[in-house]
Structure formats: C-alpha cells, structure tokens
PDB file of all heavy atoms in Angstrom:
ATOM      1  N   THR A   1      -0.028  -2.892  14.061  1.00  0.00           N
ATOM      2  CA  THR A   1       1.024  -1.896  13.972  1.00  0.00           C
ATOM      3  C   THR A   1       1.050  -1.350  12.556  1.00  0.00           C
ATOM      4  O   THR A   1       1.222  -2.116  11.599  1.00  0.00           O
ATOM      5  CB  THR A   1       2.393  -2.522  14.312  1.00  0.00           C
ATOM      6  OG1 THR A   1       2.334  -3.082  15.629  1.00  0.00           O
ATOM      7  CG2 THR A   1       3.498  -1.480  14.227  1.00  0.00           C
ATOM      8  N   LEU A   2       0.871  -0.034  12.428  1.00  0.00           N
ATOM      9  CA  LEU A   2       0.959   0.583  11.102  1.00  0.00           C
ATOM     10  C   LEU A   2       2.411   0.526  10.644  1.00  0.00           C
ATOM     11  O   LEU A   2       3.308   1.025  11.312  1.00  0.00           O
ATOM     12  CB  LEU A   2       0.466   2.031  11.137  1.00  0.00           C
ATOM     13  CG  LEU A   2       0.555   2.794   9.823  1.00  0.00           C
ATOM     14  CD1 LEU A   2      -0.326   2.152   8.752  1.00  0.00           C
ATOM     15  CD2 LEU A   2       0.166   4.247  10.025  1.00  0.00           C
ATOM     16  N   ILE A   3       2.630  -0.097   9.499  1.00  0.00           N
ATOM     17  CA  ILE A   3       3.975  -0.237   8.954  1.00  0.00           C
ATOM     18  C   ILE A   3       4.253   0.836   7.917  1.00  0.00           C
ATOM     19  O   ILE A   3       5.290   1.490   7.932  1.00  0.00           O
ATOM     20  CB  ILE A   3       4.167  -1.635   8.327  1.00  0.00           C
ATOM     21  CG1 ILE A   3       4.039  -2.705   9.412  1.00  0.00           C
ATOM     22  CG2 ILE A   3       5.511  -1.732   7.618  1.00  0.00           C
ATOM     23  CD1 ILE A   3       3.987  -4.116   8.868  1.00  0.00           C
ATOM     24  N   LYS A   4       3.314   1.025   7.017  1.00  0.00           N
ATOM     25  CA  LYS A   4       3.533   1.941   5.900  1.00  0.00           C
ATOM     26  C   LYS A   4       2.196   2.400   5.362  1.00  0.00           C
ATOM     27  O   LYS A   4       1.226   1.651   5.359  1.00  0.00           O
ATOM     28  CB  LYS A   4       4.313   1.207   4.789  1.00  0.00           C
ATOM     29  CG  LYS A   4       4.683   2.035   3.593  1.00  0.00           C
ATOM     30  CD  LYS A   4       5.815   2.973   3.884  1.00  0.00           C
ATOM     31  CE  LYS A   4       6.234   3.715   2.634  1.00  0.00           C
ATOM     32  NZ  LYS A   4       7.208   4.737   2.915  1.00  0.00           N
ATOM     33  N   THR A   5       2.141   3.627   4.900  1.00  0.00           N
ATOM     34  CA  THR A   5       0.973   4.124   4.201  1.00  0.00           C
ATOM     35  C   THR A   5       1.421   4.651   2.848  1.00  0.00           C
ATOM     36  O   THR A   5       2.517   5.201   2.719  1.00  0.00           O
ATOM     37  CB  THR A   5       0.227   5.209   5.008  1.00  0.00           C
ATOM     38  OG1 THR A   5      -0.908   5.633   4.272  1.00  0.00           O
ATOM     39  CG2 THR A   5       1.117   6.382   5.343  1.00  0.00           C
ATOM     40  N   SER A   6       0.577   4.462   1.870  1.00  0.00           N
ATOM     41  CA  SER A   6       0.901   4.957   0.535  1.00  0.00           C
ATOM     42  C   SER A   6       0.847   6.473   0.497  1.00  0.00           C
ATOM     43  O   SER A   6       1.333   7.084  -0.443  1.00  0.00           O
ATOM     44  CB  SER A   6      -0.091   4.393  -0.485  1.00  0.00           C
ATOM     45  OG  SER A   6      -1.390   4.913  -0.234  1.00  0.00           O
ATOM     46  N   GLY A   7       0.230   7.073   1.535  1.00  0.00           N
ATOM     47  CA  GLY A   7      -0.050   8.500   1.469  1.00  0.00           C
ATOM     48  C   GLY A   7      -1.182   8.702   0.478  1.00  0.00           C
ATOM     49  O   GLY A   7      -1.718   7.756  -0.094  1.00  0.00           O
ATOM     50  N   ALA A   8      -1.583   9.918   0.287  1.00  0.00           N
ATOM     51  CA  ALA A   8      -2.669  10.198  -0.646  1.00  0.00           C
ATOM     52  C   ALA A   8      -2.215   9.851  -2.057  1.00  0.00           C
ATOM     53  O   ALA A   8      -1.212  10.380  -2.545  1.00  0.00           O
ATOM     54  CB  ALA A   8      -3.077  11.656  -0.555  1.00  0.00           C
ATOM     55  N   ILE A   9      -2.911   8.946  -2.685  1.00  0.00           N
ATOM     56  CA  ILE A   9      -2.589   8.545  -4.054  1.00  0.00           C
ATOM     57  C   ILE A   9      -3.079   9.642  -4.985  1.00  0.00           C
ATOM     58  O   ILE A   9      -4.194  10.117  -4.864  1.00  0.00           O
ATOM     59  CB  ILE A   9      -3.247   7.200  -4.397  1.00  0.00           C
ATOM     60  CG1 ILE A   9      -2.715   6.111  -3.457  1.00  0.00           C
ATOM     61  CG2 ILE A   9      -3.001   6.833  -5.857  1.00  0.00           C
ATOM     62  CD1 ILE A   9      -3.465   4.802  -3.555  1.00  0.00           C
ATOM     63  N   SER A  10      -2.236  10.031  -5.913  1.00  0.00           N
ATOM     64  CA  SER A  10      -2.615  11.107  -6.836  1.00  0.00           C
ATOM     65  C   SER A  10      -2.923  10.543  -8.217  1.00  0.00           C
ATOM     66  O   SER A  10      -2.558   9.414  -8.542  1.00  0.00           O
ATOM     67  CB  SER A  10      -1.496  12.137  -6.930  1.00  0.00           C
ATOM     68  OG  SER A  10      -0.307  11.529  -7.382  1.00  0.00           O
ATOM     69  N   ALA A  11      -3.596  11.341  -9.006  1.00  0.00           N
ATOM     70  CA  ALA A  11      -3.995  10.933 -10.356  1.00  0.00           C
ATOM     71  C   ALA A  11      -2.791  10.427 -11.141  1.00  0.00           C
ATOM     72  O   ALA A  11      -1.686  10.946 -11.020  1.00  0.00           O
ATOM     73  CB  ALA A  11      -4.646  12.096 -11.082  1.00  0.00           C
ATOM     74  N   GLY A  12      -3.008   9.384 -11.936  1.00  0.00           N
ATOM     75  CA  GLY A  12      -1.953   8.853 -12.788  1.00  0.00           C
ATOM     76  C   GLY A  12      -1.094   7.793 -12.134  1.00  0.00           C
ATOM     77  O   GLY A  12      -0.067   7.417 -12.675  1.00  0.00           O
ATOM     78  N   THR A  13      -1.496   7.271 -10.967  1.00  0.00           N
ATOM     79  CA  THR A  13      -0.739   6.218 -10.304  1.00  0.00           C
ATOM     80  C   THR A  13      -1.181   4.880 -10.866  1.00  0.00           C
ATOM     81  O   THR A  13      -2.309   4.447 -10.642  1.00  0.00           O
ATOM     82  CB  THR A  13      -0.955   6.262  -8.776  1.00  0.00           C
ATOM     83  OG1 THR A  13      -0.578   7.552  -8.294  1.00  0.00           O
ATOM     84  CG2 THR A  13      -0.157   5.184  -8.078  1.00  0.00           C
ATOM     85  N   CYS A  14      -0.302   4.214 -11.630  1.00  0.00           N
ATOM     86  CA  CYS A  14      -0.716   2.973 -12.289  1.00  0.00           C
ATOM     87  C   CYS A  14      -0.830   1.827 -11.298  1.00  0.00           C
ATOM     88  O   CYS A  14      -1.655   0.940 -11.472  1.00  0.00           O
ATOM     89  CB  CYS A  14       0.216   2.623 -13.436  1.00  0.00           C
ATOM     90  SG  CYS A  14       1.907   2.302 -12.964  1.00  0.00           S
ATOM     91  N   ASP A  15       0.007   1.807 -10.248  1.00  0.00           N
ATOM     92  CA  ASP A  15      -0.098   0.768  -9.231  1.00  0.00           C
ATOM     93  C   ASP A  15       0.568   1.244  -7.950  1.00  0.00           C
ATOM     94  O   ASP A  15       1.311   2.222  -7.949  1.00  0.00           O
ATOM     95  CB  ASP A  15       0.517  -0.547  -9.707  1.00  0.00           C
ATOM     96  CG  ASP A  15       1.997  -0.406 -10.078  1.00  0.00           C
ATOM     97  OD1 ASP A  15       2.802   0.012  -9.221  1.00  0.00           O
ATOM     98  OD2 ASP A  15       2.340  -0.713 -11.230  1.00  0.00           O
ATOM     99  N   VAL A  16       0.276   0.541  -6.860  1.00  0.00           N
ATOM    100  CA  VAL A  16       0.911   0.796  -5.568  1.00  0.00           C
ATOM    101  C   VAL A  16       1.549  -0.512  -5.142  1.00  0.00           C
ATOM    102  O   VAL A  16       0.877  -1.551  -5.085  1.00  0.00           O
ATOM    103  CB  VAL A  16      -0.116   1.270  -4.516  1.00  0.00           C
ATOM    104  CG1 VAL A  16       0.547   1.424  -3.156  1.00  0.00           C
ATOM    105  CG2 VAL A  16      -0.767   2.578  -4.955  1.00  0.00           C
ATOM    106  N   THR A  17       2.859  -0.474  -4.876  1.00  0.00           N
ATOM    107  CA  THR A  17       3.609  -1.674  -4.562  1.00  0.00           C
ATOM    108  C   THR A  17       4.264  -1.550  -3.202  1.00  0.00           C
ATOM    109  O   THR A  17       4.843  -0.505  -2.879  1.00  0.00           O
ATOM    110  CB  THR A  17       4.692  -1.926  -5.634  1.00  0.00           C
ATOM    111  OG1 THR A  17       4.058  -1.997  -6.914  1.00  0.00           O
ATOM    112  CG2 THR A  17       5.438  -3.215  -5.372  1.00  0.00           C
ATOM    113  N   PHE A  18       4.179  -2.613  -2.398  1.00  0.00           N
ATOM    114  CA  PHE A  18       4.879  -2.707  -1.123  1.00  0.00           C
ATOM    115  C   PHE A  18       5.894  -3.832  -1.264  1.00  0.00           C
ATOM    116  O   PHE A  18       5.520  -4.980  -1.515  1.00  0.00           O
ATOM    117  CB  PHE A  18       3.907  -3.027   0.010  1.00  0.00           C
ATOM    118  CG  PHE A  18       2.907  -1.924   0.292  1.00  0.00           C
ATOM    119  CD1 PHE A  18       1.703  -1.875  -0.383  1.00  0.00           C
ATOM    120  CD2 PHE A  18       3.183  -0.957   1.242  1.00  0.00           C
ATOM    121  CE1 PHE A  18       0.777  -0.874  -0.125  1.00  0.00           C
ATOM    122  CE2 PHE A  18       2.262   0.051   1.504  1.00  0.00           C
ATOM    123  CZ  PHE A  18       1.057   0.092   0.821  1.00  0.00           C
ATOM    124  N   ILE A  19       7.195  -3.496  -1.129  1.00  0.00           N
ATOM    125  CA  ILE A  19       8.278  -4.468  -1.268  1.00  0.00           C
ATOM    126  C   ILE A  19       9.094  -4.462   0.020  1.00  0.00           C
ATOM    127  O   ILE A  19       9.501  -3.402   0.492  1.00  0.00           O
ATOM    128  CB  ILE A  19       9.196  -4.130  -2.462  1.00  0.00           C
ATOM    129  CG1 ILE A  19       8.402  -4.152  -3.767  1.00  0.00           C
ATOM    130  CG2 ILE A  19      10.370  -5.102  -2.530  1.00  0.00           C
ATOM    131  CD1 ILE A  19       9.201  -3.684  -4.977  1.00  0.00           C
ATOM    132  N   ASN A  20       9.353  -5.639   0.577  1.00  0.00           N
ATOM    133  CA  ASN A  20      10.126  -5.736   1.803  1.00  0.00           C
ATOM    134  C   ASN A  20      11.466  -5.029   1.640  1.00  0.00           C
ATOM    135  O   ASN A  20      12.177  -5.243   0.668  1.00  0.00           O
ATOM    136  CB  ASN A  20      10.354  -7.203   2.182  1.00  0.00           C
ATOM    137  CG  ASN A  20      11.025  -7.334   3.535  1.00  0.00           C
ATOM    138  OD1 ASN A  20      10.689  -6.607   4.461  1.00  0.00           O
ATOM    139  ND2 ASN A  20      11.964  -8.248   3.643  1.00  0.00           N
ATOM    140  N   GLY A  21      11.791  -4.176   2.607  1.00  0.00           N
ATOM    141  CA  GLY A  21      13.060  -3.475   2.605  1.00  0.00           C
ATOM    142  C   GLY A  21      13.061  -2.175   1.833  1.00  0.00           C
ATOM    143  O   GLY A  21      13.988  -1.384   1.939  1.00  0.00           O
ATOM    144  N   ALA A  22      12.032  -1.913   1.049  1.00  0.00           N
ATOM    145  CA  ALA A  22      11.949  -0.673   0.269  1.00  0.00           C
ATOM    146  C   ALA A  22      11.102   0.341   1.030  1.00  0.00           C
ATOM    147  O   ALA A  22       9.973   0.043   1.412  1.00  0.00           O
ATOM    148  CB  ALA A  22      11.348  -0.942  -1.100  1.00  0.00           C
ATOM    149  N   SER A  23      11.651   1.509   1.282  1.00  0.00           N
ATOM    150  CA  SER A  23      10.919   2.586   1.958  1.00  0.00           C
ATOM    151  C   SER A  23      10.317   2.123   3.274  1.00  0.00           C
ATOM    152  O   SER A  23       9.148   2.355   3.562  1.00  0.00           O
ATOM    153  CB  SER A  23       9.823   3.148   1.044  1.00  0.00           C
ATOM    154  OG  SER A  23      10.378   3.596  -0.155  1.00  0.00           O
ATOM    155  N   ASP A  24      11.099   1.441   4.076  1.00  0.00           N
ATOM    156  CA  ASP A  24      10.705   1.008   5.423  1.00  0.00           C
ATOM    157  C   ASP A  24       9.573  -0.015   5.447  1.00  0.00           C
ATOM    158  O   ASP A  24       8.916  -0.193   6.462  1.00  0.00           O
ATOM    159  CB  ASP A  24      10.324   2.210   6.294  1.00  0.00           C
ATOM    160  CG  ASP A  24      11.453   3.219   6.400  1.00  0.00           C
ATOM    161  OD1 ASP A  24      12.611   2.777   6.507  1.00  0.00           O
ATOM    162  OD2 ASP A  24      11.170   4.416   6.366  1.00  0.00           O
ATOM    163  N   VAL A  25       9.303  -0.706   4.356  1.00  0.00           N
ATOM    164  CA  VAL A  25       8.275  -1.740   4.339  1.00  0.00           C
ATOM    165  C   VAL A  25       8.847  -3.016   4.952  1.00  0.00           C
ATOM    166  O   VAL A  25       9.976  -3.402   4.661  1.00  0.00           O
ATOM    167  CB  VAL A  25       7.779  -2.019   2.905  1.00  0.00           C
ATOM    168  CG1 VAL A  25       6.862  -3.223   2.870  1.00  0.00           C
ATOM    169  CG2 VAL A  25       7.083  -0.791   2.358  1.00  0.00           C
ATOM    170  N   VAL A  26       8.067  -3.643   5.813  1.00  0.00           N
ATOM    171  CA  VAL A  26       8.448  -4.921   6.388  1.00  0.00           C
ATOM    172  C   VAL A  26       7.382  -5.933   5.992  1.00  0.00           C
ATOM    173  O   VAL A  26       6.254  -5.885   6.458  1.00  0.00           O
ATOM    174  CB  VAL A  26       8.547  -4.835   7.927  1.00  0.00           C
ATOM    175  CG1 VAL A  26       8.857  -6.199   8.510  1.00  0.00           C
ATOM    176  CG2 VAL A  26       9.589  -3.822   8.340  1.00  0.00           C
ATOM    177  N   LEU A  27       7.697  -6.822   5.083  1.00  0.00           N
ATOM    178  CA  LEU A  27       6.815  -7.913   4.693  1.00  0.00           C
ATOM    179  C   LEU A  27       7.664  -9.178   4.770  1.00  0.00           C
ATOM    180  O   LEU A  27       8.140  -9.709   3.778  1.00  0.00           O
ATOM    181  CB  LEU A  27       6.251  -7.697   3.283  1.00  0.00           C
ATOM    182  CG  LEU A  27       5.213  -8.702   2.783  1.00  0.00           C
ATOM    183  CD1 LEU A  27       4.025  -8.789   3.720  1.00  0.00           C
ATOM    184  CD2 LEU A  27       4.749  -8.342   1.387  1.00  0.00           C
ATOM    185  N   ASP A  28       7.876  -9.609   6.028  1.00  0.00           N
ATOM    186  CA  ASP A  28       8.741 -10.757   6.286  1.00  0.00           C
ATOM    187  C   ASP A  28       8.154 -11.528   7.462  1.00  0.00           C
ATOM    188  O   ASP A  28       6.957 -11.492   7.696  1.00  0.00           O
ATOM    189  CB  ASP A  28      10.178 -10.307   6.530  1.00  0.00           C
ATOM    190  CG  ASP A  28      10.331  -9.371   7.734  1.00  0.00           C
ATOM    191  OD1 ASP A  28       9.370  -9.239   8.524  1.00  0.00           O
ATOM    192  OD2 ASP A  28      11.408  -8.788   7.892  1.00  0.00           O
ATOM    193  N   ASP A  29       9.005 -12.185   8.263  1.00  0.00           N
ATOM    194  CA  ASP A  29       8.499 -12.975   9.385  1.00  0.00           C
ATOM    195  C   ASP A  29       8.337 -12.163  10.662  1.00  0.00           C
ATOM    196  O   ASP A  29       8.100 -12.726  11.726  1.00  0.00           O
ATOM    197  CB  ASP A  29       9.390 -14.192   9.624  1.00  0.00           C
ATOM    198  CG  ASP A  29      10.814 -13.815  10.002  1.00  0.00           C
ATOM    199  OD1 ASP A  29      11.156 -12.614  10.024  1.00  0.00           O
ATOM    200  OD2 ASP A  29      11.612 -14.742  10.263  1.00  0.00           O
ATOM    201  N   THR A  30       8.422 -10.831  10.587  1.00  0.00           N
ATOM    202  CA  THR A  30       8.184  -9.990  11.757  1.00  0.00           C
ATOM    203  C   THR A  30       6.769 -10.219  12.293  1.00  0.00           C
ATOM    204  O   THR A  30       6.536 -10.256  13.495  1.00  0.00           O
ATOM    205  CB  THR A  30       8.385  -8.501  11.420  1.00  0.00           C
ATOM    206  OG1 THR A  30       9.709  -8.328  10.919  1.00  0.00           O
ATOM    207  CG2 THR A  30       8.176  -7.625  12.634  1.00  0.00           C
ATOM    208  N   TYR A  31       5.812 -10.366  11.391  1.00  0.00           N
ATOM    209  CA  TYR A  31       4.417 -10.642  11.750  1.00  0.00           C
ATOM    210  C   TYR A  31       3.947 -11.872  10.985  1.00  0.00           C
ATOM    211  O   TYR A  31       4.360 -12.101   9.854  1.00  0.00           O
ATOM    212  CB  TYR A  31       3.510  -9.455  11.387  1.00  0.00           C
ATOM    213  CG  TYR A  31       3.873  -8.187  12.104  1.00  0.00           C
ATOM    214  CD1 TYR A  31       4.707  -7.248  11.508  1.00  0.00           C
ATOM    215  CD2 TYR A  31       3.389  -7.926  13.381  1.00  0.00           C
ATOM    216  CE1 TYR A  31       5.048  -6.073  12.168  1.00  0.00           C
ATOM    217  CE2 TYR A  31       3.725  -6.754  14.047  1.00  0.00           C
ATOM    218  CZ  TYR A  31       4.560  -5.838  13.435  1.00  0.00           C
ATOM    219  OH  TYR A  31       4.892  -4.683  14.095  1.00  0.00           O
ATOM    220  N   ASP A  32       3.063 -12.637  11.603  1.00  0.00           N
ATOM    221  CA  ASP A  32       2.465 -13.784  10.918  1.00  0.00           C
ATOM    222  C   ASP A  32       1.335 -13.360  10.002  1.00  0.00           C
ATOM    223  O   ASP A  32       0.992 -14.069   9.057  1.00  0.00           O
ATOM    224  CB  ASP A  32       1.928 -14.801  11.929  1.00  0.00           C
ATOM    225  CG  ASP A  32       3.043 -15.536  12.654  1.00  0.00           C
ATOM    226  OD1 ASP A  32       4.143 -15.675  12.083  1.00  0.00           O
ATOM    227  OD2 ASP A  32       2.812 -15.953  13.800  1.00  0.00           O
ATOM    228  N   VAL A  33       0.727 -12.199  10.302  1.00  0.00           N
ATOM    229  CA  VAL A  33      -0.417 -11.714   9.538  1.00  0.00           C
ATOM    230  C   VAL A  33      -0.174 -10.266   9.149  1.00  0.00           C
ATOM    231  O   VAL A  33       0.270  -9.456   9.973  1.00  0.00           O
ATOM    232  CB  VAL A  33      -1.726 -11.834  10.353  1.00  0.00           C
ATOM    233  CG1 VAL A  33      -2.902 -11.270   9.584  1.00  0.00           C
ATOM    234  CG2 VAL A  33      -1.981 -13.283  10.747  1.00  0.00           C
ATOM    235  N   TYR A  34      -0.484  -9.937   7.909  1.00  0.00           N
ATOM    236  CA  TYR A  34      -0.407  -8.557   7.415  1.00  0.00           C
ATOM    237  C   TYR A  34      -1.784  -8.158   6.882  1.00  0.00           C
ATOM    238  O   TYR A  34      -2.478  -8.978   6.277  1.00  0.00           O
ATOM    239  CB  TYR A  34       0.642  -8.426   6.309  1.00  0.00           C
ATOM    240  CG  TYR A  34       2.049  -8.538   6.835  1.00  0.00           C
ATOM    241  CD1 TYR A  34       2.666  -9.773   6.951  1.00  0.00           C
ATOM    242  CD2 TYR A  34       2.753  -7.405   7.239  1.00  0.00           C
ATOM    243  CE1 TYR A  34       3.954  -9.889   7.442  1.00  0.00           C
ATOM    244  CE2 TYR A  34       4.040  -7.512   7.741  1.00  0.00           C
ATOM    245  CZ  TYR A  34       4.633  -8.753   7.838  1.00  0.00           C
ATOM    246  OH  TYR A  34       5.905  -8.854   8.343  1.00  0.00           O
ATOM    247  N   GLU A  35      -2.163  -6.906   7.133  1.00  0.00           N
ATOM    248  CA  GLU A  35      -3.415  -6.375   6.602  1.00  0.00           C
ATOM    249  C   GLU A  35      -3.128  -5.152   5.758  1.00  0.00           C
ATOM    250  O   GLU A  35      -2.263  -4.337   6.098  1.00  0.00           O
ATOM    251  CB  GLU A  35      -4.376  -5.974   7.722  1.00  0.00           C
ATOM    252  CG  GLU A  35      -5.060  -7.103   8.398  1.00  0.00           C
ATOM    253  CD  GLU A  35      -6.103  -6.645   9.401  1.00  0.00           C
ATOM    254  OE1 GLU A  35      -6.272  -5.431   9.633  1.00  0.00           O
ATOM    255  OE2 GLU A  35      -6.763  -7.530   9.958  1.00  0.00           O
ATOM    256  N   PHE A  36      -3.892  -5.036   4.685  1.00  0.00           N
ATOM    257  CA  PHE A  36      -3.828  -3.862   3.816  1.00  0.00           C
ATOM    258  C   PHE A  36      -5.214  -3.226   3.836  1.00  0.00           C
ATOM    259  O   PHE A  36      -6.204  -3.884   3.498  1.00  0.00           O
ATOM    260  CB  PHE A  36      -3.408  -4.263   2.403  1.00  0.00           C
ATOM    261  CG  PHE A  36      -2.033  -4.874   2.373  1.00  0.00           C
ATOM    262  CD1 PHE A  36      -1.856  -6.232   2.573  1.00  0.00           C
ATOM    263  CD2 PHE A  36      -0.922  -4.070   2.175  1.00  0.00           C
ATOM    264  CE1 PHE A  36      -0.587  -6.794   2.573  1.00  0.00           C
ATOM    265  CE2 PHE A  36       0.353  -4.622   2.176  1.00  0.00           C
ATOM    266  CZ  PHE A  36       0.522  -5.986   2.379  1.00  0.00           C
ATOM    267  N   HIS A  37      -5.275  -1.975   4.278  1.00  0.00           N
ATOM    268  CA  HIS A  37      -6.544  -1.252   4.366  1.00  0.00           C
ATOM    269  C   HIS A  37      -6.623  -0.269   3.201  1.00  0.00           C
ATOM    270  O   HIS A  37      -5.700   0.527   2.991  1.00  0.00           O
ATOM    271  CB  HIS A  37      -6.630  -0.497   5.692  1.00  0.00           C
ATOM    272  CG  HIS A  37      -6.731  -1.402   6.878  1.00  0.00           C
ATOM    273  ND1 HIS A  37      -7.480  -1.084   7.977  1.00  0.00           N
ATOM    274  CD2 HIS A  37      -6.193  -2.623   7.141  1.00  0.00           C
ATOM    275  CE1 HIS A  37      -7.397  -2.059   8.871  1.00  0.00           C
ATOM    276  NE2 HIS A  37      -6.612  -2.998   8.379  1.00  0.00           N
ATOM    277  N   PHE A  38      -7.727  -0.325   2.481  1.00  0.00           N
ATOM    278  CA  PHE A  38      -7.956   0.532   1.316  1.00  0.00           C
ATOM    279  C   PHE A  38      -8.975   1.597   1.718  1.00  0.00           C
ATOM    280  O   PHE A  38     -10.066   1.269   2.187  1.00  0.00           O
ATOM    281  CB  PHE A  38      -8.490  -0.289   0.145  1.00  0.00           C
ATOM    282  CG  PHE A  38      -7.709  -1.555  -0.067  1.00  0.00           C
ATOM    283  CD1 PHE A  38      -8.233  -2.781   0.298  1.00  0.00           C
ATOM    284  CD2 PHE A  38      -6.432  -1.511  -0.605  1.00  0.00           C
ATOM    285  CE1 PHE A  38      -7.508  -3.949   0.126  1.00  0.00           C
ATOM    286  CE2 PHE A  38      -5.700  -2.673  -0.783  1.00  0.00           C
ATOM    287  CZ  PHE A  38      -6.241  -3.894  -0.416  1.00  0.00           C
ATOM    288  N   VAL A  39      -8.615   2.851   1.525  1.00  0.00           N
ATOM    289  CA  VAL A  39      -9.464   3.962   1.953  1.00  0.00           C
ATOM    290  C   VAL A  39      -9.836   4.808   0.740  1.00  0.00           C
ATOM    291  O   VAL A  39      -8.970   5.435   0.122  1.00  0.00           O
ATOM    292  CB  VAL A  39      -8.739   4.821   3.014  1.00  0.00           C
ATOM    293  CG1 VAL A  39      -9.644   5.946   3.498  1.00  0.00           C
ATOM    294  CG2 VAL A  39      -8.270   3.960   4.183  1.00  0.00           C
ATOM    295  N   ASN A  40     -11.106   4.805   0.400  1.00  0.00           N
ATOM    296  CA  ASN A  40     -11.655   5.635  -0.675  1.00  0.00           C
ATOM    297  C   ASN A  40     -10.850   5.556  -1.973  1.00  0.00           C
ATOM    298  O   ASN A  40     -10.453   6.565  -2.545  1.00  0.00           O
ATOM    299  CB  ASN A  40     -11.784   7.088  -0.216  1.00  0.00           C
ATOM    300  CG  ASN A  40     -12.795   7.236   0.894  1.00  0.00           C
ATOM    301  OD1 ASN A  40     -13.817   6.546   0.904  1.00  0.00           O
ATOM    302  ND2 ASN A  40     -12.518   8.102   1.842  1.00  0.00           N
ATOM    303  N   ILE A  41     -10.635   4.335  -2.444  1.00  0.00           N
ATOM    304  CA  ILE A  41      -9.933   4.136  -3.715  1.00  0.00           C
ATOM    305  C   ILE A  41     -10.848   4.588  -4.852  1.00  0.00           C
ATOM    306  O   ILE A  41     -12.013   4.195  -4.927  1.00  0.00           O
ATOM    307  CB  ILE A  41      -9.540   2.656  -3.895  1.00  0.00           C
ATOM    308  CG1 ILE A  41      -8.634   2.187  -2.751  1.00  0.00           C
ATOM    309  CG2 ILE A  41      -8.896   2.430  -5.260  1.00  0.00           C
ATOM    310  CD1 ILE A  41      -7.302   2.904  -2.643  1.00  0.00           C
ATOM    311  N   HIS A  42     -10.305   5.408  -5.730  1.00  0.00           N
ATOM    312  CA  HIS A  42     -11.077   5.977  -6.842  1.00  0.00           C
ATOM    313  C   HIS A  42     -10.272   5.761  -8.122  1.00  0.00           C
ATOM    314  O   HIS A  42      -9.109   6.158  -8.203  1.00  0.00           O
ATOM    315  CB  HIS A  42     -11.292   7.471  -6.589  1.00  0.00           C
ATOM    316  CG  HIS A  42     -12.216   8.121  -7.561  1.00  0.00           C
ATOM    317  ND1 HIS A  42     -11.770   8.720  -8.712  1.00  0.00           N
ATOM    318  CD2 HIS A  42     -13.561   8.269  -7.556  1.00  0.00           C
ATOM    319  CE1 HIS A  42     -12.800   9.227  -9.370  1.00  0.00           C
ATOM    320  NE2 HIS A  42     -13.902   8.953  -8.685  1.00  0.00           N
ATOM    321  N   PRO A  43     -10.858   5.125  -9.141  1.00  0.00           N
ATOM    322  CA  PRO A  43     -10.122   4.859 -10.377  1.00  0.00           C
ATOM    323  C   PRO A  43     -10.230   6.017 -11.370  1.00  0.00           C
ATOM    324  O   PRO A  43     -11.162   6.813 -11.304  1.00  0.00           O
ATOM    325  CB  PRO A  43     -10.842   3.631 -10.939  1.00  0.00           C
ATOM    326  CG  PRO A  43     -12.262   3.835 -10.509  1.00  0.00           C
ATOM    327  CD  PRO A  43     -12.189   4.499  -9.156  1.00  0.00           C
ATOM    328  N   ASP A  44      -9.294   6.085 -12.296  1.00  0.00           N
ATOM    329  CA  ASP A  44      -9.438   7.071 -13.385  1.00  0.00           C
ATOM    330  C   ASP A  44     -10.247   6.492 -14.545  1.00  0.00           C
ATOM    331  O   ASP A  44     -10.822   7.222 -15.328  1.00  0.00           O
ATOM    332  CB  ASP A  44      -8.086   7.611 -13.856  1.00  0.00           C
ATOM    333  CG  ASP A  44      -7.290   6.625 -14.705  1.00  0.00           C
ATOM    334  OD1 ASP A  44      -7.626   5.434 -14.735  1.00  0.00           O
ATOM    335  OD2 ASP A  44      -6.311   7.053 -15.332  1.00  0.00           O
ATOM    336  N   THR A  45     -10.325   5.166 -14.655  1.00  0.00           N
ATOM    337  CA  THR A  45     -11.106   4.515 -15.702  1.00  0.00           C
ATOM    338  C   THR A  45     -12.402   3.991 -15.088  1.00  0.00           C
ATOM    339  O   THR A  45     -12.370   3.271 -14.091  1.00  0.00           O
ATOM    340  CB  THR A  45     -10.313   3.356 -16.328  1.00  0.00           C
ATOM    341  OG1 THR A  45      -9.100   3.883 -16.871  1.00  0.00           O
ATOM    342  CG2 THR A  45     -11.105   2.661 -17.423  1.00  0.00           C
ATOM    343  N   ASN A  46     -13.509   4.348 -15.680  1.00  0.00           N
ATOM    344  CA  ASN A  46     -14.817   3.974 -15.145  1.00  0.00           C
ATOM    345  C   ASN A  46     -14.993   2.459 -15.078  1.00  0.00           C
ATOM    346  O   ASN A  46     -14.528   1.726 -15.950  1.00  0.00           O
ATOM    347  CB  ASN A  46     -15.922   4.579 -16.014  1.00  0.00           C
ATOM    348  CG  ASN A  46     -17.252   4.594 -15.300  1.00  0.00           C
ATOM    349  OD1 ASN A  46     -17.335   4.979 -14.142  1.00  0.00           O
ATOM    350  ND2 ASN A  46     -18.289   4.169 -15.984  1.00  0.00           N
ATOM    351  N   ALA A  47     -15.661   2.002 -14.017  1.00  0.00           N
ATOM    352  CA  ALA A  47     -16.042   0.599 -13.850  1.00  0.00           C
ATOM    353  C   ALA A  47     -14.841  -0.343 -13.861  1.00  0.00           C
ATOM    354  O   ALA A  47     -14.850  -1.380 -14.517  1.00  0.00           O
ATOM    355  CB  ALA A  47     -17.072   0.189 -14.892  1.00  0.00           C
TER     356      ALA A  47
END
C-alpha cells in the first residue's frame, strides 16, 4: 500500500524525512513491514 511519496525532489533538498503522523505518514504498527523505494536519486555533490 502506497502510504506517502516525497514527490519530485528538487535541487537543494538536504534530506527527506518520514515521521509518523506528519503529512499523512504512517510508520507505526499498522504494518509489520515498511518499504522505501528510491527512484532516480541524483546528488548535487559528486560521488
């Protein structure tokens, strides 16, 4: 079940945080397993 997406990350994003109860994030006992899928992550600092 898709719970939350960061949406397209834009330049200058220092971190992406998922906190239970913030912006509809559920990271509690609703599920025994949670997955985070990373799609085409690109850094601003090389290597």
